[in-house]
Amino acid sequence: MPGEASSDARVQAVLDIPLHRFLGVELRDARDPSAGIRFPVGEAAQNPAGMLHGGIVYALLDVASFLALLPSLGDGEHAVTHDVAASLLRPVAAGATVELSATVLRRGRAVAFMRAEATVDGVLVATGQVTKTVLTPR
């Protein structure tokens, strides 16, 4: 399939971001990166109360959104975050595994809109709306 190797490289580049490696981020399904990511709430992801830090959730809702959008990006296109709005619905304890996934609501020529969710054991813990600007090659 054209662009598949390129897509694989782009997914790996996302996973290789030092913050993502530090947090233990991995794909939920290696065969389908658009299915989202998961990570453990280890020491690096905790706030002083020993719970999941909200900023980590905010950042990773954005990552799940990019992975959901990636299959619709053409060769040379990239997407950068324009806006993220997140709602943290309940606290998450240390040791839990958080799963994040996103859905592309609309992909236009220059802007894409995604909805993202974070769950723990199937229970919704956060939601987000992510807007990305699509950059096209010149």
N, C-alpha and C. Protein backbone atom coordinates (compact mmCIF):
# COMPACT_ATOMS: atom_id res chain seq x y z
N MET A 1 0.85 -1.18 0.00
CA MET A 1 0.00 0.00 0.00
C MET A 1 0.89 1.24 0.00
N PRO A 2 0.67 2.21 -0.91
CA PRO A 2 1.50 3.41 -0.97
C PRO A 2 1.44 4.19 0.33
N GLY A 3 2.60 4.67 0.76
CA GLY A 3 2.66 5.49 1.95
C GLY A 3 2.66 4.72 3.26
N GLU A 4 2.51 3.38 3.20
CA GLU A 4 2.44 2.60 4.44
C GLU A 4 3.75 2.69 5.22
N ALA A 5 4.88 2.55 4.53
CA ALA A 5 6.17 2.64 5.21
C ALA A 5 6.36 4.03 5.81
N SER A 6 5.92 5.04 5.06
CA SER A 6 6.00 6.41 5.56
C SER A 6 5.15 6.58 6.81
N SER A 7 3.95 6.00 6.80
CA SER A 7 3.06 6.08 7.95
C SER A 7 3.68 5.36 9.15
N ASP A 8 4.25 4.18 8.91
CA ASP A 8 4.91 3.44 9.99
C ASP A 8 6.03 4.28 10.61
N ALA A 9 6.80 4.96 9.77
CA ALA A 9 7.89 5.80 10.27
C ALA A 9 7.34 6.97 11.08
N ARG A 10 6.21 7.52 10.64
CA ARG A 10 5.63 8.64 11.37
C ARG A 10 5.09 8.20 12.73
N VAL A 11 4.48 7.02 12.77
CA VAL A 11 4.00 6.48 14.04
C VAL A 11 5.17 6.25 14.98
N GLN A 12 6.24 5.65 14.46
CA GLN A 12 7.41 5.38 15.29
C GLN A 12 8.02 6.68 15.80
N ALA A 13 8.02 7.72 14.97
CA ALA A 13 8.55 9.02 15.40
C ALA A 13 7.75 9.57 16.58
N VAL A 14 6.43 9.36 16.56
CA VAL A 14 5.58 9.79 17.68
C VAL A 14 5.95 9.01 18.94
N LEU A 15 6.08 7.70 18.80
CA LEU A 15 6.41 6.87 19.96
C LEU A 15 7.80 7.17 20.51
N ASP A 16 8.70 7.60 19.64
CA ASP A 16 10.09 7.86 20.03
C ASP A 16 10.31 9.23 20.67
N ILE A 17 9.30 10.05 20.73
CA ILE A 17 9.46 11.34 21.42
C ILE A 17 9.87 11.05 22.86
N PRO A 18 10.94 11.68 23.34
CA PRO A 18 11.46 11.34 24.67
C PRO A 18 10.41 11.36 25.79
N LEU A 19 9.50 12.32 25.79
CA LEU A 19 8.46 12.36 26.82
C LEU A 19 7.60 11.11 26.76
N HIS A 20 7.23 10.70 25.56
CA HIS A 20 6.38 9.52 25.40
C HIS A 20 7.09 8.25 25.87
N ARG A 21 8.37 8.13 25.53
CA ARG A 21 9.16 6.97 26.01
C ARG A 21 9.25 7.01 27.53
N PHE A 22 9.50 8.19 28.10
CA PHE A 22 9.65 8.36 29.55
C PHE A 22 8.37 7.94 30.29
N LEU A 23 7.22 8.24 29.68
CA LEU A 23 5.94 7.91 30.31
C LEU A 23 5.51 6.46 30.07
N GLY A 24 6.19 5.76 29.16
CA GLY A 24 5.83 4.37 28.86
C GLY A 24 4.67 4.25 27.90
N VAL A 25 4.50 5.23 27.01
CA VAL A 25 3.42 5.21 26.03
C VAL A 25 3.65 4.09 25.02
N GLU A 26 2.58 3.35 24.74
CA GLU A 26 2.64 2.32 23.71
C GLU A 26 1.32 2.32 22.95
N LEU A 27 1.33 1.71 21.76
CA LEU A 27 0.11 1.61 20.97
C LEU A 27 -0.84 0.62 21.61
N ARG A 28 -2.13 0.89 21.53
CA ARG A 28 -3.14 -0.08 21.99
C ARG A 28 -3.17 -1.28 21.06
N ASP A 29 -2.94 -1.05 19.77
CA ASP A 29 -2.95 -2.11 18.76
C ASP A 29 -1.84 -1.80 17.76
N ALA A 30 -0.78 -2.60 17.77
CA ALA A 30 0.37 -2.35 16.89
C ALA A 30 -0.02 -2.40 15.42
N ARG A 31 -1.06 -3.14 15.07
CA ARG A 31 -1.50 -3.24 13.67
C ARG A 31 -2.35 -2.05 13.26
N ASP A 32 -2.87 -1.30 14.24
CA ASP A 32 -3.76 -0.17 13.95
C ASP A 32 -3.44 1.00 14.89
N PRO A 33 -2.41 1.79 14.55
CA PRO A 33 -2.03 2.91 15.42
C PRO A 33 -3.17 3.90 15.66
N SER A 34 -4.12 3.98 14.72
CA SER A 34 -5.22 4.93 14.93
C SER A 34 -6.15 4.49 16.06
N ALA A 35 -5.97 3.27 16.58
CA ALA A 35 -6.77 2.79 17.72
C ALA A 35 -6.36 3.47 19.02
N GLY A 36 -5.23 4.17 19.03
CA GLY A 36 -4.85 4.94 20.20
C GLY A 36 -3.65 4.39 20.94
N ILE A 37 -3.50 4.90 22.15
CA ILE A 37 -2.32 4.61 22.97
C ILE A 37 -2.75 4.24 24.37
N ARG A 38 -1.77 3.73 25.12
CA ARG A 38 -1.98 3.46 26.55
C ARG A 38 -0.68 3.79 27.28
N PHE A 39 -0.82 4.04 28.57
CA PHE A 39 0.37 4.25 29.40
C PHE A 39 0.02 3.97 30.86
N PRO A 40 1.02 3.56 31.63
CA PRO A 40 0.80 3.33 33.06
C PRO A 40 0.96 4.64 33.84
N VAL A 41 0.20 4.77 34.90
CA VAL A 41 0.35 5.95 35.75
C VAL A 41 1.48 5.65 36.74
N GLY A 42 2.69 5.78 36.22
CA GLY A 42 3.89 5.59 37.03
C GLY A 42 4.27 6.90 37.70
N GLU A 43 5.40 6.88 38.37
CA GLU A 43 5.86 8.05 39.12
C GLU A 43 5.99 9.29 38.24
N ALA A 44 6.44 9.11 37.00
CA ALA A 44 6.64 10.25 36.09
C ALA A 44 5.33 10.93 35.70
N ALA A 45 4.21 10.24 35.82
CA ALA A 45 2.92 10.79 35.40
C ALA A 45 2.07 11.26 36.57
N GLN A 46 2.63 11.27 37.77
CA GLN A 46 1.84 11.60 38.96
C GLN A 46 2.04 13.03 39.42
N ASN A 47 1.00 13.58 40.03
CA ASN A 47 1.10 14.88 40.69
C ASN A 47 1.52 14.65 42.14
N PRO A 48 1.72 15.71 42.94
CA PRO A 48 2.16 15.52 44.32
C PRO A 48 1.18 14.71 45.19
N ALA A 49 -0.08 14.60 44.78
CA ALA A 49 -1.06 13.82 45.54
C ALA A 49 -1.00 12.33 45.18
N GLY A 50 -0.10 11.96 44.27
CA GLY A 50 0.01 10.56 43.88
C GLY A 50 -1.05 10.12 42.88
N MET A 51 -1.66 11.09 42.21
CA MET A 51 -2.68 10.82 41.20
C MET A 51 -2.13 11.23 39.84
N LEU A 52 -2.83 10.83 38.78
CA LEU A 52 -2.42 11.20 37.43
C LEU A 52 -2.44 12.72 37.27
N HIS A 53 -1.36 13.27 36.77
CA HIS A 53 -1.24 14.71 36.54
C HIS A 53 -2.09 15.08 35.33
N GLY A 54 -2.93 16.09 35.46
CA GLY A 54 -3.82 16.50 34.39
C GLY A 54 -3.09 16.92 33.12
N GLY A 55 -1.92 17.50 33.25
CA GLY A 55 -1.16 17.93 32.07
C GLY A 55 -0.74 16.76 31.20
N ILE A 56 -0.49 15.63 31.82
CA ILE A 56 -0.13 14.43 31.06
C ILE A 56 -1.33 13.99 30.21
N VAL A 57 -2.51 14.00 30.81
CA VAL A 57 -3.72 13.62 30.08
C VAL A 57 -3.92 14.58 28.90
N TYR A 58 -3.78 15.85 29.15
CA TYR A 58 -3.96 16.88 28.12
C TYR A 58 -3.04 16.59 26.94
N ALA A 59 -1.76 16.35 27.22
CA ALA A 59 -0.79 16.11 26.15
C ALA A 59 -1.10 14.82 25.38
N LEU A 60 -1.49 13.77 26.09
CA LEU A 60 -1.69 12.50 25.41
C LEU A 60 -3.04 12.39 24.69
N LEU A 61 -4.03 13.19 25.08
CA LEU A 61 -5.25 13.30 24.26
C LEU A 61 -4.88 13.85 22.89
N ASP A 62 -3.94 14.78 22.87
CA ASP A 62 -3.45 15.35 21.61
C ASP A 62 -2.72 14.30 20.78
N VAL A 63 -1.92 13.47 21.41
CA VAL A 63 -1.19 12.41 20.70
C VAL A 63 -2.16 11.41 20.08
N ALA A 64 -3.16 10.98 20.84
CA ALA A 64 -4.16 10.04 20.32
C ALA A 64 -4.89 10.66 19.13
N SER A 65 -5.14 11.96 19.20
CA SER A 65 -5.82 12.65 18.10
C SER A 65 -4.96 12.66 16.84
N PHE A 66 -3.67 12.90 16.99
CA PHE A 66 -2.78 12.88 15.84
C PHE A 66 -2.76 11.49 15.20
N LEU A 67 -2.68 10.45 16.01
CA LEU A 67 -2.65 9.09 15.47
C LEU A 67 -3.96 8.75 14.75
N ALA A 68 -5.07 9.27 15.23
CA ALA A 68 -6.36 9.04 14.55
C ALA A 68 -6.40 9.77 13.21
N LEU A 69 -5.79 10.93 13.15
CA LEU A 69 -5.78 11.74 11.93
C LEU A 69 -4.78 11.23 10.91
N LEU A 70 -3.72 10.62 11.36
CA LEU A 70 -2.60 10.23 10.50
C LEU A 70 -3.01 9.49 9.22
N PRO A 71 -3.93 8.52 9.26
CA PRO A 71 -4.29 7.83 8.01
C PRO A 71 -4.87 8.74 6.93
N SER A 72 -5.41 9.90 7.31
CA SER A 72 -5.99 10.80 6.32
C SER A 72 -4.99 11.82 5.79
N LEU A 73 -3.79 11.84 6.34
CA LEU A 73 -2.78 12.80 5.88
C LEU A 73 -2.07 12.24 4.65
N GLY A 74 -1.95 13.06 3.63
CA GLY A 74 -1.25 12.66 2.41
C GLY A 74 0.25 12.74 2.59
N ASP A 75 0.97 12.22 1.60
CA ASP A 75 2.43 12.31 1.62
C ASP A 75 2.85 13.77 1.71
N GLY A 76 3.70 14.06 2.65
CA GLY A 76 4.18 15.41 2.83
C GLY A 76 3.31 16.27 3.73
N GLU A 77 2.07 15.86 3.96
CA GLU A 77 1.22 16.64 4.86
C GLU A 77 1.59 16.34 6.31
N HIS A 78 1.40 17.31 7.14
CA HIS A 78 1.60 17.14 8.57
C HIS A 78 0.49 17.92 9.28
N ALA A 79 0.27 17.62 10.53
CA ALA A 79 -0.74 18.34 11.31
C ALA A 79 -0.12 18.82 12.60
N VAL A 80 -0.37 20.07 12.91
CA VAL A 80 0.12 20.66 14.15
C VAL A 80 -1.08 21.12 14.97
N THR A 81 -0.92 21.07 16.26
CA THR A 81 -2.02 21.40 17.15
C THR A 81 -2.32 22.89 17.11
N HIS A 82 -3.58 23.17 16.94
CA HIS A 82 -4.07 24.54 16.91
C HIS A 82 -4.76 24.86 18.24
N ASP A 83 -5.51 23.87 18.77
CA ASP A 83 -6.25 24.09 20.01
C ASP A 83 -6.56 22.74 20.66
N VAL A 84 -6.50 22.70 21.98
CA VAL A 84 -6.91 21.52 22.75
C VAL A 84 -7.75 22.02 23.92
N ALA A 85 -8.90 21.40 24.10
CA ALA A 85 -9.73 21.66 25.27
C ALA A 85 -10.00 20.30 25.92
N ALA A 86 -9.66 20.18 27.17
CA ALA A 86 -9.82 18.89 27.85
C ALA A 86 -10.65 19.06 29.12
N SER A 87 -11.41 18.03 29.42
CA SER A 87 -12.17 17.96 30.68
C SER A 87 -11.72 16.72 31.42
N LEU A 88 -11.24 16.92 32.64
CA LEU A 88 -10.83 15.80 33.48
C LEU A 88 -12.03 15.44 34.34
N LEU A 89 -12.55 14.23 34.16
CA LEU A 89 -13.82 13.85 34.77
C LEU A 89 -13.69 13.18 36.13
N ARG A 90 -12.57 12.50 36.36
CA ARG A 90 -12.37 11.84 37.65
C ARG A 90 -10.88 11.60 37.86
N PRO A 91 -10.46 11.51 39.11
CA PRO A 91 -9.04 11.26 39.39
C PRO A 91 -8.65 9.84 39.00
N VAL A 92 -7.37 9.67 38.70
CA VAL A 92 -6.84 8.36 38.33
C VAL A 92 -5.68 8.05 39.28
N ALA A 93 -5.76 6.91 39.93
CA ALA A 93 -4.77 6.52 40.93
C ALA A 93 -3.48 6.02 40.29
N ALA A 94 -2.41 6.14 41.03
CA ALA A 94 -1.12 5.58 40.63
C ALA A 94 -1.30 4.09 40.36
N GLY A 95 -0.58 3.59 39.36
CA GLY A 95 -0.63 2.17 39.04
C GLY A 95 -1.67 1.80 38.01
N ALA A 96 -2.62 2.70 37.74
CA ALA A 96 -3.65 2.42 36.73
C ALA A 96 -3.04 2.50 35.34
N THR A 97 -3.70 1.87 34.38
CA THR A 97 -3.32 2.01 32.98
C THR A 97 -4.40 2.83 32.29
N VAL A 98 -3.97 3.91 31.65
CA VAL A 98 -4.89 4.81 30.95
C VAL A 98 -4.82 4.50 29.46
N GLU A 99 -5.99 4.35 28.85
CA GLU A 99 -6.08 4.14 27.41
C GLU A 99 -6.72 5.37 26.78
N LEU A 100 -6.12 5.84 25.68
CA LEU A 100 -6.61 7.04 25.00
C LEU A 100 -6.87 6.72 23.54
N SER A 101 -8.00 7.21 23.05
CA SER A 101 -8.34 7.02 21.64
C SER A 101 -9.02 8.29 21.15
N ALA A 102 -9.08 8.42 19.84
CA ALA A 102 -9.69 9.62 19.26
C ALA A 102 -10.42 9.26 17.97
N THR A 103 -11.33 10.13 17.61
CA THR A 103 -12.11 10.01 16.38
C THR A 103 -11.99 11.31 15.61
N VAL A 104 -11.78 11.20 14.31
CA VAL A 104 -11.76 12.39 13.47
C VAL A 104 -13.22 12.78 13.20
N LEU A 105 -13.60 13.96 13.64
CA LEU A 105 -14.96 14.45 13.42
C LEU A 105 -15.10 15.06 12.04
N ARG A 106 -14.07 15.81 11.63
CA ARG A 106 -14.08 16.44 10.31
C ARG A 106 -12.65 16.75 9.90
N ARG A 107 -12.31 16.38 8.69
CA ARG A 107 -11.00 16.71 8.12
C ARG A 107 -11.24 17.59 6.91
N GLY A 108 -10.89 18.85 7.04
CA GLY A 108 -10.97 19.77 5.91
C GLY A 108 -9.61 19.87 5.24
N ARG A 109 -9.51 20.76 4.27
CA ARG A 109 -8.25 20.95 3.55
C ARG A 109 -7.16 21.48 4.47
N ALA A 110 -7.51 22.39 5.37
CA ALA A 110 -6.51 23.05 6.20
C ALA A 110 -6.69 22.83 7.70
N VAL A 111 -7.82 22.29 8.12
CA VAL A 111 -8.11 22.12 9.54
C VAL A 111 -8.78 20.76 9.76
N ALA A 112 -8.44 20.14 10.88
CA ALA A 112 -9.08 18.87 11.27
C ALA A 112 -9.55 18.98 12.71
N PHE A 113 -10.69 18.34 12.97
CA PHE A 113 -11.30 18.37 14.30
C PHE A 113 -11.43 16.95 14.81
N MET A 114 -10.96 16.70 16.03
CA MET A 114 -11.02 15.37 16.64
C MET A 114 -11.65 15.44 18.02
N ARG A 115 -12.24 14.33 18.41
CA ARG A 115 -12.72 14.14 19.79
C ARG A 115 -11.90 13.01 20.36
N ALA A 116 -11.39 13.19 21.56
CA ALA A 116 -10.54 12.19 22.20
C ALA A 116 -11.10 11.81 23.57
N GLU A 117 -10.81 10.58 23.98
CA GLU A 117 -11.25 10.09 25.28
C GLU A 117 -10.13 9.32 25.96
N ALA A 118 -10.13 9.40 27.29
CA ALA A 118 -9.23 8.61 28.10
C ALA A 118 -10.07 7.76 29.04
N THR A 119 -9.73 6.48 29.12
CA THR A 119 -10.46 5.56 30.00
C THR A 119 -9.49 4.76 30.86
N VAL A 120 -10.02 4.29 31.98
CA VAL A 120 -9.31 3.35 32.84
C VAL A 120 -10.28 2.21 33.11
N ASP A 121 -9.90 1.02 32.72
CA ASP A 121 -10.78 -0.16 32.87
C ASP A 121 -12.17 0.10 32.31
N GLY A 122 -12.23 0.79 31.16
CA GLY A 122 -13.50 1.05 30.50
C GLY A 122 -14.29 2.22 31.05
N VAL A 123 -13.80 2.86 32.10
CA VAL A 123 -14.48 4.01 32.71
C VAL A 123 -13.87 5.30 32.17
N LEU A 124 -14.73 6.18 31.65
CA LEU A 124 -14.28 7.45 31.09
C LEU A 124 -13.70 8.35 32.18
N VAL A 125 -12.46 8.80 31.99
CA VAL A 125 -11.81 9.66 32.99
C VAL A 125 -11.51 11.06 32.45
N ALA A 126 -11.49 11.21 31.11
CA ALA A 126 -11.23 12.52 30.51
C ALA A 126 -11.72 12.52 29.07
N THR A 127 -12.09 13.71 28.62
CA THR A 127 -12.47 13.89 27.22
C THR A 127 -11.73 15.11 26.69
N GLY A 128 -11.62 15.19 25.39
CA GLY A 128 -10.96 16.35 24.80
C GLY A 128 -11.45 16.63 23.40
N GLN A 129 -11.34 17.86 23.02
CA GLN A 129 -11.60 18.31 21.65
C GLN A 129 -10.27 18.87 21.15
N VAL A 130 -9.81 18.37 20.01
CA VAL A 130 -8.52 18.78 19.48
C VAL A 130 -8.71 19.31 18.07
N THR A 131 -8.13 20.46 17.81
CA THR A 131 -8.14 21.05 16.47
C THR A 131 -6.70 21.10 15.99
N LYS A 132 -6.47 20.60 14.78
CA LYS A 132 -5.13 20.63 14.21
C LYS A 132 -5.17 21.34 12.87
N THR A 133 -4.12 22.11 12.62
CA THR A 133 -3.93 22.74 11.33
C THR A 133 -3.17 21.76 10.46
N VAL A 134 -3.67 21.52 9.25
CA VAL A 134 -3.01 20.62 8.32
C VAL A 134 -2.08 21.43 7.45
N LEU A 135 -0.81 21.07 7.49
CA LEU A 135 0.22 21.74 6.69
C LEU A 135 0.46 20.92 5.44
N THR A 136 0.40 21.57 4.30
CA THR A 136 0.59 20.87 3.03
C THR A 136 1.96 21.21 2.45
N PRO A 137 2.53 20.29 1.68
CA PRO A 137 3.85 20.57 1.10
C PRO A 137 3.77 21.71 0.09
N ARG A 138 4.85 22.44 -0.02
CA ARG A 138 4.91 23.56 -0.97
C ARG A 138 5.71 23.19 -2.17
